[in-house]
Amino acid sequence: MKFSTQVKPISHLKSHAAEIVKTISETGEPMLITQNGEAKLVVMDVASYERQQETMALLKLLALGKRDIEQGRVRDADDVFAELDKEDEA
């Protein structure tokens, strides 16, 4: 995704909102909105936003898991499954 192809001033957003919604919904490409020449907003469709949030959540889980491994907070899988088996038997 290249923002350089989808950069519009805020005045364009104000005057072409319906067109922008249609275009972003069809293409899935986000649009960067500028104000006084500075990037201010990213406009994207809901499905893309949700996918991005899910991706971020998965990356956070991976980072937390990596940190646990680095800090030695791990257990052998066989031990975990054996413990679960004991709980099922009780």
PDB file of N, CA and C in Angstrom:
ATOM      1  N   MET A   1       0.842  -1.167   0.000  1.00  0.00           N
ATOM      2  CA  MET A   1       0.000   0.000   0.000  1.00  0.00           C
ATOM      3  C   MET A   1       0.886   1.227   0.000  1.00  0.00           C
ATOM      4  N   LYS A   2       0.703   2.046  -0.996  1.00  0.00           N
ATOM      5  CA  LYS A   2       1.477   3.276  -1.096  1.00  0.00           C
ATOM      6  C   LYS A   2       0.559   4.466  -0.889  1.00  0.00           C
ATOM      7  N   PHE A   3       0.841   5.221   0.154  1.00  0.00           N
ATOM      8  CA  PHE A   3       0.034   6.403   0.409  1.00  0.00           C
ATOM      9  C   PHE A   3       0.267   7.478  -0.648  1.00  0.00           C
ATOM     10  N   SER A   4       1.404   7.428  -1.295  1.00  0.00           N
ATOM     11  CA  SER A   4       1.727   8.482  -2.259  1.00  0.00           C
ATOM     12  C   SER A   4       0.718   8.562  -3.393  1.00  0.00           C
ATOM     13  N   THR A   5       0.006   7.488  -3.667  1.00  0.00           N
ATOM     14  CA  THR A   5      -0.990   7.520  -4.752  1.00  0.00           C
ATOM     15  C   THR A   5      -2.362   7.951  -4.252  1.00  0.00           C
ATOM     16  N   GLN A   6      -2.564   7.977  -2.949  1.00  0.00           N
ATOM     17  CA  GLN A   6      -3.865   8.300  -2.383  1.00  0.00           C
ATOM     18  C   GLN A   6      -3.746   9.435  -1.353  1.00  0.00           C
ATOM     19  N   VAL A   7      -3.136  10.528  -1.746  1.00  0.00           N
ATOM     20  CA  VAL A   7      -2.986  11.684  -0.858  1.00  0.00           C
ATOM     21  C   VAL A   7      -3.905  12.790  -1.355  1.00  0.00           C
ATOM     22  N   LYS A   8      -4.763  13.241  -0.469  1.00  0.00           N
ATOM     23  CA  LYS A   8      -5.713  14.298  -0.848  1.00  0.00           C
ATOM     24  C   LYS A   8      -5.777  15.339   0.276  1.00  0.00           C
ATOM     25  N   PRO A   9      -6.028  16.594  -0.086  1.00  0.00           N
ATOM     26  CA  PRO A   9      -6.200  17.623   0.946  1.00  0.00           C
ATOM     27  C   PRO A   9      -7.562  17.473   1.619  1.00  0.00           C
ATOM     28  N   ILE A  10      -7.682  18.032   2.795  1.00  0.00           N
ATOM     29  CA  ILE A  10      -8.935  17.926   3.542  1.00  0.00           C
ATOM     30  C   ILE A  10     -10.096  18.550   2.779  1.00  0.00           C
ATOM     31  N   SER A  11      -9.829  19.550   1.975  1.00  0.00           N
ATOM     32  CA  SER A  11     -10.902  20.170   1.178  1.00  0.00           C
ATOM     33  C   SER A  11     -11.505  19.160   0.207  1.00  0.00           C
ATOM     34  N   HIS A  12     -10.683  18.250  -0.323  1.00  0.00           N
ATOM     35  CA  HIS A  12     -11.188  17.200  -1.218  1.00  0.00           C
ATOM     36  C   HIS A  12     -12.098  16.254  -0.440  1.00  0.00           C
ATOM     37  N   LEU A  13     -11.716  15.925   0.796  1.00  0.00           N
ATOM     38  CA  LEU A  13     -12.548  15.065   1.637  1.00  0.00           C
ATOM     39  C   LEU A  13     -13.899  15.721   1.890  1.00  0.00           C
ATOM     40  N   LYS A  14     -13.877  16.999   2.184  1.00  0.00           N
ATOM     41  CA  LYS A  14     -15.120  17.715   2.470  1.00  0.00           C
ATOM     42  C   LYS A  14     -16.058  17.753   1.262  1.00  0.00           C
ATOM     43  N   SER A  15     -15.503  17.976   0.094  1.00  0.00           N
ATOM     44  CA  SER A  15     -16.354  18.154  -1.090  1.00  0.00           C
ATOM     45  C   SER A  15     -16.637  16.868  -1.860  1.00  0.00           C
ATOM     46  N   HIS A  16     -15.922  15.787  -1.552  1.00  0.00           N
ATOM     47  CA  HIS A  16     -16.111  14.537  -2.298  1.00  0.00           C
ATOM     48  C   HIS A  16     -16.280  13.321  -1.375  1.00  0.00           C
ATOM     49  N   ALA A  17     -16.905  13.519  -0.238  1.00  0.00           N
ATOM     50  CA  ALA A  17     -17.001  12.450   0.758  1.00  0.00           C
ATOM     51  C   ALA A  17     -17.642  11.186   0.202  1.00  0.00           C
ATOM     52  N   ALA A  18     -18.765  11.308  -0.487  1.00  0.00           N
ATOM     53  CA  ALA A  18     -19.461  10.123  -1.007  1.00  0.00           C
ATOM     54  C   ALA A  18     -18.589   9.378  -2.017  1.00  0.00           C
ATOM     55  N   GLU A  19     -17.924  10.115  -2.880  1.00  0.00           N
ATOM     56  CA  GLU A  19     -17.033   9.515  -3.880  1.00  0.00           C
ATOM     57  C   GLU A  19     -15.857   8.796  -3.195  1.00  0.00           C
ATOM     58  N   ILE A  20     -15.313   9.411  -2.176  1.00  0.00           N
ATOM     59  CA  ILE A  20     -14.192   8.823  -1.442  1.00  0.00           C
ATOM     60  C   ILE A  20     -14.623   7.529  -0.758  1.00  0.00           C
ATOM     61  N   VAL A  21     -15.792   7.541  -0.131  1.00  0.00           N
ATOM     62  CA  VAL A  21     -16.310   6.327   0.516  1.00  0.00           C
ATOM     63  C   VAL A  21     -16.453   5.214  -0.507  1.00  0.00           C
ATOM     64  N   LYS A  22     -17.005   5.520  -1.661  1.00  0.00           N
ATOM     65  CA  LYS A  22     -17.193   4.516  -2.720  1.00  0.00           C
ATOM     66  C   LYS A  22     -15.850   3.962  -3.186  1.00  0.00           C
ATOM     67  N   THR A  23     -14.905   4.839  -3.459  1.00  0.00           N
ATOM     68  CA  THR A  23     -13.596   4.425  -3.960  1.00  0.00           C
ATOM     69  C   THR A  23     -12.854   3.567  -2.946  1.00  0.00           C
ATOM     70  N   ILE A  24     -12.820   4.008  -1.703  1.00  0.00           N
ATOM     71  CA  ILE A  24     -12.101   3.254  -0.671  1.00  0.00           C
ATOM     72  C   ILE A  24     -12.777   1.912  -0.423  1.00  0.00           C
ATOM     73  N   SER A  25     -14.107   1.900  -0.439  1.00  0.00           N
ATOM     74  CA  SER A  25     -14.834   0.642  -0.241  1.00  0.00           C
ATOM     75  C   SER A  25     -14.547  -0.352  -1.358  1.00  0.00           C
ATOM     76  N   GLU A  26     -14.441   0.141  -2.571  1.00  0.00           N
ATOM     77  CA  GLU A  26     -14.197  -0.735  -3.730  1.00  0.00           C
ATOM     78  C   GLU A  26     -12.753  -1.211  -3.798  1.00  0.00           C
ATOM     79  N   THR A  27     -11.810  -0.326  -3.524  1.00  0.00           N
ATOM     80  CA  THR A  27     -10.399  -0.670  -3.706  1.00  0.00           C
ATOM     81  C   THR A  27      -9.746  -1.231  -2.447  1.00  0.00           C
ATOM     82  N   GLY A  28     -10.264  -0.871  -1.285  1.00  0.00           N
ATOM     83  CA  GLY A  28      -9.631  -1.267  -0.038  1.00  0.00           C
ATOM     84  C   GLY A  28      -8.366  -0.492   0.261  1.00  0.00           C
ATOM     85  N   GLU A  29      -8.053   0.478  -0.587  1.00  0.00           N
ATOM     86  CA  GLU A  29      -6.862   1.304  -0.407  1.00  0.00           C
ATOM     87  C   GLU A  29      -7.163   2.466   0.534  1.00  0.00           C
ATOM     88  N   PRO A  30      -6.345   2.666   1.559  1.00  0.00           N
ATOM     89  CA  PRO A  30      -6.571   3.813   2.440  1.00  0.00           C
ATOM     90  C   PRO A  30      -6.198   5.121   1.739  1.00  0.00           C
ATOM     91  N   MET A  31      -6.687   6.208   2.261  1.00  0.00           N
ATOM     92  CA  MET A  31      -6.383   7.524   1.709  1.00  0.00           C
ATOM     93  C   MET A  31      -5.783   8.386   2.810  1.00  0.00           C
ATOM     94  N   LEU A  32      -4.713   9.067   2.499  1.00  0.00           N
ATOM     95  CA  LEU A  32      -4.061   9.973   3.429  1.00  0.00           C
ATOM     96  C   LEU A  32      -4.624  11.371   3.197  1.00  0.00           C
ATOM     97  N   ILE A  33      -5.118  11.981   4.259  1.00  0.00           N
ATOM     98  CA  ILE A  33      -5.691  13.323   4.174  1.00  0.00           C
ATOM     99  C   ILE A  33      -4.709  14.308   4.800  1.00  0.00           C
ATOM    100  N   THR A  34      -4.449  15.377   4.065  1.00  0.00           N
ATOM    101  CA  THR A  34      -3.520  16.395   4.555  1.00  0.00           C
ATOM    102  C   THR A  34      -4.279  17.656   4.937  1.00  0.00           C
ATOM    103  N   GLN A  35      -3.680  18.410   5.847  1.00  0.00           N
ATOM    104  CA  GLN A  35      -4.203  19.722   6.219  1.00  0.00           C
ATOM    105  C   GLN A  35      -3.014  20.659   6.300  1.00  0.00           C
ATOM    106  N   ASN A  36      -3.074  21.727   5.541  1.00  0.00           N
ATOM    107  CA  ASN A  36      -1.966  22.681   5.447  1.00  0.00           C
ATOM    108  C   ASN A  36      -0.659  21.978   5.077  1.00  0.00           C
ATOM    109  N   GLY A  37      -0.758  21.010   4.186  1.00  0.00           N
ATOM    110  CA  GLY A  37       0.421  20.314   3.690  1.00  0.00           C
ATOM    111  C   GLY A  37       0.974  19.233   4.597  1.00  0.00           C
ATOM    112  N   GLU A  38       0.356  19.007   5.751  1.00  0.00           N
ATOM    113  CA  GLU A  38       0.814  17.982   6.688  1.00  0.00           C
ATOM    114  C   GLU A  38      -0.158  16.818   6.723  1.00  0.00           C
ATOM    115  N   ALA A  39       0.366  15.611   6.820  1.00  0.00           N
ATOM    116  CA  ALA A  39      -0.481  14.430   6.951  1.00  0.00           C
ATOM    117  C   ALA A  39      -1.227  14.501   8.271  1.00  0.00           C
ATOM    118  N   LYS A  40      -2.564  14.325   8.221  1.00  0.00           N
ATOM    119  CA  LYS A  40      -3.381  14.427   9.431  1.00  0.00           C
ATOM    120  C   LYS A  40      -4.235  13.194   9.699  1.00  0.00           C
ATOM    121  N   LEU A  41      -4.759  12.572   8.651  1.00  0.00           N
ATOM    122  CA  LEU A  41      -5.679  11.450   8.814  1.00  0.00           C
ATOM    123  C   LEU A  41      -5.382  10.352   7.808  1.00  0.00           C
ATOM    124  N   VAL A  42      -5.772   9.144   8.187  1.00  0.00           N
ATOM    125  CA  VAL A  42      -5.821   8.046   7.240  1.00  0.00           C
ATOM    126  C   VAL A  42      -7.260   7.574   7.234  1.00  0.00           C
ATOM    127  N   VAL A  43      -7.871   7.549   6.072  1.00  0.00           N
ATOM    128  CA  VAL A  43      -9.250   7.098   5.921  1.00  0.00           C
ATOM    129  C   VAL A  43      -9.196   5.721   5.269  1.00  0.00           C
ATOM    130  N   MET A  44      -9.864   4.751   5.929  1.00  0.00           N
ATOM    131  CA  MET A  44      -9.854   3.391   5.384  1.00  0.00           C
ATOM    132  C   MET A  44     -11.207   2.739   5.623  1.00  0.00           C
ATOM    133  N   ASP A  45     -11.473   1.667   4.867  1.00  0.00           N
ATOM    134  CA  ASP A  45     -12.736   0.969   5.037  1.00  0.00           C
ATOM    135  C   ASP A  45     -12.687   0.111   6.303  1.00  0.00           C
ATOM    136  N   VAL A  46     -13.837  -0.218   6.823  1.00  0.00           N
ATOM    137  CA  VAL A  46     -13.941  -0.927   8.087  1.00  0.00           C
ATOM    138  C   VAL A  46     -13.299  -2.312   8.014  1.00  0.00           C
ATOM    139  N   ALA A  47     -13.505  -3.033   6.930  1.00  0.00           N
ATOM    140  CA  ALA A  47     -12.931  -4.384   6.810  1.00  0.00           C
ATOM    141  C   ALA A  47     -11.407  -4.335   6.891  1.00  0.00           C
ATOM    142  N   SER A  48     -10.800  -3.382   6.225  1.00  0.00           N
ATOM    143  CA  SER A  48      -9.343  -3.233   6.282  1.00  0.00           C
ATOM    144  C   SER A  48      -8.886  -2.863   7.685  1.00  0.00           C
ATOM    145  N   TYR A  49      -9.633  -1.988   8.331  1.00  0.00           N
ATOM    146  CA  TYR A  49      -9.299  -1.587   9.695  1.00  0.00           C
ATOM    147  C   TYR A  49      -9.364  -2.792  10.631  1.00  0.00           C
ATOM    148  N   GLU A  50     -10.413  -3.585  10.506  1.00  0.00           N
ATOM    149  CA  GLU A  50     -10.556  -4.764  11.369  1.00  0.00           C
ATOM    150  C   GLU A  50      -9.431  -5.764  11.141  1.00  0.00           C
ATOM    151  N   ARG A  51      -9.065  -5.995   9.871  1.00  0.00           N
ATOM    152  CA  ARG A  51      -7.946  -6.895   9.564  1.00  0.00           C
ATOM    153  C   ARG A  51      -6.658  -6.358  10.186  1.00  0.00           C
ATOM    154  N   GLN A  52      -6.459  -5.063  10.098  1.00  0.00           N
ATOM    155  CA  GLN A  52      -5.264  -4.450  10.662  1.00  0.00           C
ATOM    156  C   GLN A  52      -5.234  -4.631  12.182  1.00  0.00           C
ATOM    157  N   GLN A  53      -6.367  -4.458  12.832  1.00  0.00           N
ATOM    158  CA  GLN A  53      -6.437  -4.626  14.284  1.00  0.00           C
ATOM    159  C   GLN A  53      -6.171  -6.076  14.682  1.00  0.00           C
ATOM    160  N   GLU A  54      -6.711  -7.029  13.917  1.00  0.00           N
ATOM    161  CA  GLU A  54      -6.456  -8.441  14.190  1.00  0.00           C
ATOM    162  C   GLU A  54      -4.978  -8.771  14.020  1.00  0.00           C
ATOM    163  N   THR A  55      -4.365  -8.225  12.986  1.00  0.00           N
ATOM    164  CA  THR A  55      -2.943  -8.437  12.747  1.00  0.00           C
ATOM    165  C   THR A  55      -2.119  -7.879  13.895  1.00  0.00           C
ATOM    166  N   MET A  56      -2.469  -6.696  14.359  1.00  0.00           N
ATOM    167  CA  MET A  56      -1.744  -6.085  15.468  1.00  0.00           C
ATOM    168  C   MET A  56      -1.888  -6.922  16.736  1.00  0.00           C
ATOM    169  N   ALA A  57      -3.075  -7.467  16.977  1.00  0.00           N
ATOM    170  CA  ALA A  57      -3.285  -8.302  18.166  1.00  0.00           C
ATOM    171  C   ALA A  57      -2.431  -9.561  18.089  1.00  0.00           C
ATOM    172  N   LEU A  58      -2.367 -10.184  16.906  1.00  0.00           N
ATOM    173  CA  LEU A  58      -1.541 -11.378  16.745  1.00  0.00           C
ATOM    174  C   LEU A  58      -0.063 -11.059  16.921  1.00  0.00           C
ATOM    175  N   LEU A  59       0.376  -9.937  16.389  1.00  0.00           N
ATOM    176  CA  LEU A  59       1.772  -9.539  16.559  1.00  0.00           C
ATOM    177  C   LEU A  59       2.101  -9.294  18.022  1.00  0.00           C
ATOM    178  N   LYS A  60       1.161  -8.715  18.751  1.00  0.00           N
ATOM    179  CA  LYS A  60       1.379  -8.483  20.178  1.00  0.00           C
ATOM    180  C   LYS A  60       1.514  -9.814  20.920  1.00  0.00           C
ATOM    181  N   LEU A  61       0.658 -10.787  20.583  1.00  0.00           N
ATOM    182  CA  LEU A  61       0.752 -12.110  21.209  1.00  0.00           C
ATOM    183  C   LEU A  61       2.097 -12.769  20.915  1.00  0.00           C
ATOM    184  N   LEU A  62       2.550 -12.635  19.677  1.00  0.00           N
ATOM    185  CA  LEU A  62       3.846 -13.207  19.312  1.00  0.00           C
ATOM    186  C   LEU A  62       4.974 -12.536  20.097  1.00  0.00           C
ATOM    187  N   ALA A  63       4.908 -11.221  20.221  1.00  0.00           N
ATOM    188  CA  ALA A  63       5.943 -10.489  20.959  1.00  0.00           C
ATOM    189  C   ALA A  63       5.939 -10.892  22.430  1.00  0.00           C
ATOM    190  N   LEU A  64       4.758 -11.047  23.013  1.00  0.00           N
ATOM    191  CA  LEU A  64       4.675 -11.460  24.411  1.00  0.00           C
ATOM    192  C   LEU A  64       5.219 -12.877  24.593  1.00  0.00           C
ATOM    193  N   GLY A  65       4.910 -13.757  23.660  1.00  0.00           N
ATOM    194  CA  GLY A  65       5.428 -15.120  23.719  1.00  0.00           C
ATOM    195  C   GLY A  65       6.936 -15.151  23.587  1.00  0.00           C
ATOM    196  N   LYS A  66       7.461 -14.344  22.694  1.00  0.00           N
ATOM    197  CA  LYS A  66       8.913 -14.273  22.518  1.00  0.00           C
ATOM    198  C   LYS A  66       9.591 -13.781  23.794  1.00  0.00           C
ATOM    199  N   ARG A  67       8.982 -12.787  24.417  1.00  0.00           N
ATOM    200  CA  ARG A  67       9.534 -12.261  25.665  1.00  0.00           C
ATOM    201  C   ARG A  67       9.520 -13.331  26.760  1.00  0.00           C
ATOM    202  N   ASP A  68       8.426 -14.084  26.842  1.00  0.00           N
ATOM    203  CA  ASP A  68       8.352 -15.177  27.824  1.00  0.00           C
ATOM    204  C   ASP A  68       9.458 -16.191  27.586  1.00  0.00           C
ATOM    205  N   ILE A  69       9.699 -16.541  26.332  1.00  0.00           N
ATOM    206  CA  ILE A  69      10.766 -17.493  26.000  1.00  0.00           C
ATOM    207  C   ILE A  69      12.119 -16.935  26.412  1.00  0.00           C
ATOM    208  N   GLU A  70      12.372 -15.675  26.071  1.00  0.00           N
ATOM    209  CA  GLU A  70      13.650 -15.044  26.410  1.00  0.00           C
ATOM    210  C   GLU A  70      13.871 -14.977  27.918  1.00  0.00           C
ATOM    211  N   GLN A  71      12.786 -14.845  28.674  1.00  0.00           N
ATOM    212  CA  GLN A  71      12.906 -14.740  30.132  1.00  0.00           C
ATOM    213  C   GLN A  71      12.772 -16.101  30.820  1.00  0.00           C
ATOM    214  N   GLY A  72      12.728 -17.150  30.023  1.00  0.00           N
ATOM    215  CA  GLY A  72      12.698 -18.494  30.576  1.00  0.00           C
ATOM    216  C   GLY A  72      11.369 -18.914  31.173  1.00  0.00           C
ATOM    217  N   ARG A  73      10.324 -18.201  30.862  1.00  0.00           N
ATOM    218  CA  ARG A  73       8.997 -18.554  31.386  1.00  0.00           C
ATOM    219  C   ARG A  73       8.314 -19.506  30.401  1.00  0.00           C
ATOM    220  N   VAL A  74       8.839 -20.740  30.356  1.00  0.00           N
ATOM    221  CA  VAL A  74       8.299 -21.753  29.450  1.00  0.00           C
ATOM    222  C   VAL A  74       8.158 -23.066  30.201  1.00  0.00           C
ATOM    223  N   ARG A  75       7.317 -23.931  29.670  1.00  0.00           N
ATOM    224  CA  ARG A  75       7.142 -25.278  30.227  1.00  0.00           C
ATOM    225  C   ARG A  75       7.174 -26.258  29.076  1.00  0.00           C
ATOM    226  N   ASP A  76       7.679 -27.421  29.365  1.00  0.00           N
ATOM    227  CA  ASP A  76       7.729 -28.478  28.369  1.00  0.00           C
ATOM    228  C   ASP A  76       6.302 -28.905  28.034  1.00  0.00           C
ATOM    229  N   ALA A  77       5.998 -29.053  26.766  1.00  0.00           N
ATOM    230  CA  ALA A  77       4.644 -29.410  26.331  1.00  0.00           C
ATOM    231  C   ALA A  77       4.203 -30.738  26.928  1.00  0.00           C
ATOM    232  N   ASP A  78       5.105 -31.704  27.008  1.00  0.00           N
ATOM    233  CA  ASP A  78       4.743 -33.005  27.587  1.00  0.00           C
ATOM    234  C   ASP A  78       4.277 -32.848  29.033  1.00  0.00           C
ATOM    235  N   ASP A  79       4.935 -31.970  29.784  1.00  0.00           N
ATOM    236  CA  ASP A  79       4.535 -31.736  31.174  1.00  0.00           C
ATOM    237  C   ASP A  79       3.140 -31.103  31.242  1.00  0.00           C
ATOM    238  N   VAL A  80       2.879 -30.183  30.368  1.00  0.00           N
ATOM    239  CA  VAL A  80       1.576 -29.513  30.357  1.00  0.00           C
ATOM    240  C   VAL A  80       0.476 -30.521  30.032  1.00  0.00           C
ATOM    241  N   PHE A  81       0.706 -31.352  29.006  1.00  0.00           N
ATOM    242  CA  PHE A  81      -0.315 -32.333  28.621  1.00  0.00           C
ATOM    243  C   PHE A  81      -0.502 -33.383  29.712  1.00  0.00           C
ATOM    244  N   ALA A  82       0.557 -33.782  30.371  1.00  0.00           N
ATOM    245  CA  ALA A  82       0.450 -34.743  31.466  1.00  0.00           C
ATOM    246  C   ALA A  82      -0.381 -34.152  32.601  1.00  0.00           C
ATOM    247  N   GLU A  83      -0.162 -32.878  32.892  1.00  0.00           N
ATOM    248  CA  GLU A  83      -0.932 -32.209  33.938  1.00  0.00           C
ATOM    249  C   GLU A  83      -2.408 -32.129  33.559  1.00  0.00           C
ATOM    250  N   LEU A  84      -2.689 -31.837  32.301  1.00  0.00           N
ATOM    251  CA  LEU A  84      -4.074 -31.786  31.842  1.00  0.00           C
ATOM    252  C   LEU A  84      -4.740 -33.146  31.936  1.00  0.00           C
ATOM    253  N   ASP A  85      -4.009 -34.196  31.599  1.00  0.00           N
ATOM    254  CA  ASP A  85      -4.533 -35.555  31.695  1.00  0.00           C
ATOM    255  C   ASP A  85      -4.900 -35.890  33.135  1.00  0.00           C
ATOM    256  N   LYS A  86      -4.051 -35.484  34.087  1.00  0.00           N
ATOM    257  CA  LYS A  86      -4.313 -35.728  35.502  1.00  0.00           C
ATOM    258  C   LYS A  86      -5.594 -35.018  35.945  1.00  0.00           C
ATOM    259  N   GLU A  87      -5.800 -33.796  35.439  1.00  0.00           N
ATOM    260  CA  GLU A  87      -6.992 -33.046  35.796  1.00  0.00           C
ATOM    261  C   GLU A  87      -8.240 -33.719  35.250  1.00  0.00           C
ATOM    262  N   ASP A  88      -8.149 -34.297  34.025  1.00  0.00           N
ATOM    263  CA  ASP A  88      -9.290 -34.981  33.423  1.00  0.00           C
ATOM    264  C   ASP A  88      -9.645 -36.242  34.209  1.00  0.00           C
ATOM    265  N   GLU A  89      -8.645 -36.903  34.770  1.00  0.00           N
ATOM    266  CA  GLU A  89      -8.866 -38.134  35.519  1.00  0.00           C
ATOM    267  C   GLU A  89      -9.488 -37.871  36.886  1.00  0.00           C
ATOM    268  N   ALA A  90      -9.250 -36.689  37.406  1.00  0.00           N
ATOM    269  CA  ALA A  90      -9.745 -36.371  38.764  1.00  0.00           C
ATOM    270  C   ALA A  90     -11.216 -36.058  38.799  1.00  0.00           C
TER     271      ALA A  90
END
